[in-house]
N, C-alpha and C. Protein backbone atom coordinates (compact mmCIF):
# COMPACT_ATOMS: atom_id res chain seq x y z
N VAL A 1 75.79 259.03 36.04
CA VAL A 1 76.30 259.11 37.39
C VAL A 1 77.27 257.97 37.59
N VAL A 2 78.41 258.26 38.18
CA VAL A 2 79.41 257.23 38.44
C VAL A 2 79.76 257.26 39.92
N ALA A 3 79.74 256.10 40.54
CA ALA A 3 80.14 255.99 41.94
C ALA A 3 81.57 255.48 41.99
N THR A 4 82.43 256.16 42.74
CA THR A 4 83.82 255.74 42.84
C THR A 4 83.98 254.57 43.80
N LYS A 5 83.05 254.42 44.72
CA LYS A 5 83.07 253.32 45.67
C LYS A 5 81.66 252.74 45.73
N ARG A 6 81.55 251.43 45.58
CA ARG A 6 80.23 250.80 45.55
C ARG A 6 80.06 249.78 46.66
N THR A 7 78.84 249.66 47.10
CA THR A 7 78.47 248.67 48.10
C THR A 7 78.32 247.33 47.41
N ALA A 8 78.61 246.26 48.10
CA ALA A 8 78.41 244.91 47.55
C ALA A 8 76.97 244.77 47.10
N GLY A 9 76.78 244.22 45.90
CA GLY A 9 75.45 244.07 45.33
C GLY A 9 75.15 245.12 44.27
N LEU A 10 75.97 246.17 44.21
CA LEU A 10 75.76 247.20 43.20
C LEU A 10 76.77 247.13 42.06
N GLU A 11 77.59 246.09 42.03
CA GLU A 11 78.55 245.95 40.94
C GLU A 11 77.79 245.78 39.62
N GLY A 12 78.13 246.58 38.63
CA GLY A 12 77.51 246.47 37.31
C GLY A 12 76.13 247.08 37.20
N VAL A 13 75.62 247.69 38.27
CA VAL A 13 74.30 248.31 38.23
C VAL A 13 74.46 249.78 37.83
N LYS A 14 73.73 250.19 36.78
CA LYS A 14 73.78 251.58 36.34
C LYS A 14 73.02 252.45 37.33
N LEU A 15 73.56 253.64 37.58
CA LEU A 15 72.88 254.65 38.37
C LEU A 15 72.45 255.74 37.40
N LEU A 16 71.15 256.01 37.34
CA LEU A 16 70.63 256.98 36.38
C LEU A 16 69.94 258.13 37.10
N VAL A 17 70.03 259.32 36.54
CA VAL A 17 69.30 260.47 37.05
C VAL A 17 67.92 260.44 36.41
N ILE A 18 66.88 260.42 37.25
CA ILE A 18 65.51 260.37 36.74
C ILE A 18 64.75 261.61 37.23
N GLU A 19 63.70 261.96 36.48
CA GLU A 19 62.86 263.09 36.84
C GLU A 19 61.43 262.59 36.99
N PRO A 20 60.88 262.58 38.21
CA PRO A 20 59.50 262.10 38.41
C PRO A 20 58.50 262.95 37.64
N LEU A 21 57.53 262.27 36.98
CA LEU A 21 56.53 262.93 36.15
C LEU A 21 55.13 262.54 36.59
N ASP A 22 54.13 263.38 36.26
CA ASP A 22 52.75 263.02 36.53
C ASP A 22 52.16 262.31 35.30
N ASP A 23 50.85 262.04 35.32
CA ASP A 23 50.23 261.31 34.22
C ASP A 23 50.17 262.10 32.92
N GLN A 24 50.45 263.41 32.99
CA GLN A 24 50.52 264.25 31.79
C GLN A 24 51.98 264.46 31.36
N LEU A 25 52.89 263.71 31.98
CA LEU A 25 54.33 263.76 31.71
C LEU A 25 54.96 265.11 32.06
N ARG A 26 54.41 265.76 33.09
CA ARG A 26 54.96 267.02 33.60
C ARG A 26 55.79 266.73 34.84
N PRO A 27 56.94 267.39 35.01
CA PRO A 27 57.76 267.18 36.20
C PRO A 27 56.98 267.51 37.47
N VAL A 28 57.12 266.63 38.49
CA VAL A 28 56.41 266.84 39.76
C VAL A 28 57.35 266.87 40.96
N ALA A 29 58.61 266.59 40.75
CA ALA A 29 59.57 266.59 41.86
C ALA A 29 60.97 266.80 41.29
N GLU A 30 61.91 267.03 42.19
CA GLU A 30 63.30 267.21 41.77
C GLU A 30 63.87 265.90 41.24
N ALA A 31 64.86 266.02 40.38
CA ALA A 31 65.55 264.85 39.84
C ALA A 31 66.21 264.08 40.98
N GLN A 32 66.32 262.77 40.80
CA GLN A 32 66.97 261.92 41.79
C GLN A 32 67.75 260.82 41.10
N VAL A 33 68.58 260.16 41.84
CA VAL A 33 69.38 259.06 41.29
C VAL A 33 68.69 257.75 41.65
N ALA A 34 68.59 256.86 40.65
CA ALA A 34 67.97 255.55 40.87
C ALA A 34 68.87 254.46 40.30
N ALA A 35 68.89 253.33 40.97
CA ALA A 35 69.62 252.16 40.47
C ALA A 35 68.75 251.51 39.39
N ASP A 36 69.34 251.12 38.28
CA ASP A 36 68.60 250.51 37.19
C ASP A 36 68.57 248.99 37.35
N ALA A 37 67.50 248.49 37.98
CA ALA A 37 67.36 247.05 38.19
C ALA A 37 67.11 246.32 36.87
N THR A 38 66.59 247.03 35.85
CA THR A 38 66.34 246.40 34.54
C THR A 38 67.64 246.22 33.76
N ARG A 39 68.61 247.06 34.06
CA ARG A 39 69.90 247.11 33.35
C ARG A 39 69.73 247.40 31.86
N GLN A 40 68.59 248.00 31.49
CA GLN A 40 68.33 248.29 30.08
C GLN A 40 67.87 249.71 29.83
N ALA A 41 67.56 250.48 30.86
CA ALA A 41 67.06 251.83 30.67
C ALA A 41 68.16 252.74 30.15
N GLY A 42 67.75 253.72 29.38
CA GLY A 42 68.71 254.65 28.81
C GLY A 42 68.16 256.07 28.78
N PRO A 43 68.90 256.98 28.17
CA PRO A 43 68.46 258.37 28.09
C PRO A 43 67.09 258.48 27.42
N ARG A 44 66.25 259.34 27.97
CA ARG A 44 64.91 259.63 27.44
C ARG A 44 63.90 258.50 27.58
N ASP A 45 64.27 257.37 28.20
CA ASP A 45 63.30 256.30 28.45
C ASP A 45 62.36 256.73 29.56
N LEU A 46 61.10 256.36 29.42
CA LEU A 46 60.12 256.56 30.47
C LEU A 46 60.14 255.29 31.30
N VAL A 47 60.39 255.42 32.60
CA VAL A 47 60.60 254.24 33.43
C VAL A 47 59.64 254.19 34.60
N PHE A 48 59.49 253.00 35.18
CA PHE A 48 58.69 252.78 36.39
C PHE A 48 59.66 252.69 37.55
N LEU A 49 59.41 253.50 38.57
CA LEU A 49 60.32 253.63 39.70
C LEU A 49 59.65 253.16 40.98
N VAL A 50 60.41 252.46 41.82
CA VAL A 50 59.95 252.12 43.16
C VAL A 50 60.94 252.68 44.17
N GLY A 51 60.46 252.89 45.37
CA GLY A 51 61.32 253.46 46.41
C GLY A 51 61.28 252.65 47.69
N SER A 52 62.11 253.06 48.62
CA SER A 52 62.16 252.46 49.96
C SER A 52 62.45 250.97 49.93
N ARG A 53 61.67 250.20 50.67
CA ARG A 53 61.89 248.75 50.80
C ARG A 53 61.79 248.05 49.44
N GLU A 54 60.84 248.48 48.61
CA GLU A 54 60.67 247.86 47.29
C GLU A 54 61.93 248.06 46.44
N ALA A 55 62.57 249.20 46.56
CA ALA A 55 63.80 249.45 45.81
C ALA A 55 64.91 248.51 46.27
N ALA A 56 65.02 248.34 47.58
CA ALA A 56 66.05 247.45 48.13
C ALA A 56 65.83 246.01 47.70
N LEU A 57 64.57 245.61 47.51
CA LEU A 57 64.25 244.24 47.08
C LEU A 57 64.35 244.04 45.58
N ALA A 58 64.40 245.12 44.81
CA ALA A 58 64.39 245.02 43.35
C ALA A 58 65.70 244.50 42.77
N LEU A 59 66.76 244.63 43.51
CA LEU A 59 68.08 244.21 43.02
C LEU A 59 68.47 242.88 43.64
N GLU A 60 69.32 242.15 42.94
CA GLU A 60 69.84 240.88 43.46
C GLU A 60 71.24 241.12 43.98
N PRO A 61 71.64 240.68 45.10
CA PRO A 61 70.82 240.02 46.12
C PRO A 61 69.87 241.03 46.76
N SER A 62 68.85 240.53 47.41
CA SER A 62 67.85 241.40 48.05
C SER A 62 68.49 242.27 49.12
N PHE A 63 67.81 243.36 49.41
CA PHE A 63 68.20 244.32 50.44
C PHE A 63 69.52 245.03 50.13
N VAL A 64 69.72 245.37 48.85
CA VAL A 64 70.83 246.23 48.48
C VAL A 64 70.46 247.64 48.94
N PRO A 65 71.35 248.37 49.57
CA PRO A 65 71.00 249.67 50.15
C PRO A 65 70.81 250.78 49.12
N VAL A 66 69.62 250.82 48.52
CA VAL A 66 69.26 251.90 47.59
C VAL A 66 67.92 252.48 48.02
N ASP A 67 67.69 253.74 47.68
CA ASP A 67 66.42 254.40 48.01
C ASP A 67 65.45 254.39 46.84
N ALA A 68 65.96 254.23 45.62
CA ALA A 68 65.11 254.24 44.43
C ALA A 68 65.66 253.25 43.41
N ALA A 69 64.76 252.53 42.75
CA ALA A 69 65.18 251.56 41.73
C ALA A 69 64.23 251.60 40.54
N ILE A 70 64.79 251.53 39.36
CA ILE A 70 64.01 251.43 38.13
C ILE A 70 63.70 249.96 37.92
N VAL A 71 62.40 249.63 37.83
CA VAL A 71 62.00 248.23 37.71
C VAL A 71 61.30 247.92 36.38
N GLY A 72 61.09 248.93 35.55
CA GLY A 72 60.46 248.68 34.26
C GLY A 72 60.59 249.86 33.34
N ILE A 73 60.45 249.59 32.06
CA ILE A 73 60.46 250.63 31.04
C ILE A 73 59.05 250.71 30.46
N VAL A 74 58.49 251.91 30.43
CA VAL A 74 57.11 252.13 29.97
C VAL A 74 57.09 252.22 28.45
N ASP A 75 56.23 251.42 27.83
CA ASP A 75 56.10 251.43 26.37
C ASP A 75 55.10 252.48 25.88
N HIS A 76 54.02 252.68 26.66
CA HIS A 76 52.94 253.54 26.18
C HIS A 76 52.22 254.16 27.37
N VAL A 77 51.82 255.41 27.24
CA VAL A 77 51.05 256.09 28.27
C VAL A 77 49.76 256.60 27.63
N GLU A 78 48.64 256.27 28.28
CA GLU A 78 47.34 256.76 27.81
C GLU A 78 46.62 257.39 28.99
N SER A 79 46.25 258.64 28.83
CA SER A 79 45.57 259.35 29.90
C SER A 79 44.12 259.64 29.49
N THR A 80 43.21 259.41 30.42
CA THR A 80 41.79 259.67 30.14
C THR A 80 41.37 261.05 30.63
N ALA A 81 42.28 261.79 31.20
CA ALA A 81 41.96 263.12 31.73
C ALA A 81 41.90 264.16 30.65
């Protein structure tokens, strides 16, 4: 995803299309765009996403106007179900 016009604080931040998954890695919601606060996520990475106020606080400077932010990359998933 490429933004032609960016808000201050989003310079150099990747915008990625993510698909929310459940604990069995099945899609549970429609795809959405998230700002990559880690600046390291890539295609096929399993990531940890925050929304709302937490997303706005995840980027520097704080309170960047985003609704979703990637704050971590998941190394391993283990389900007991």
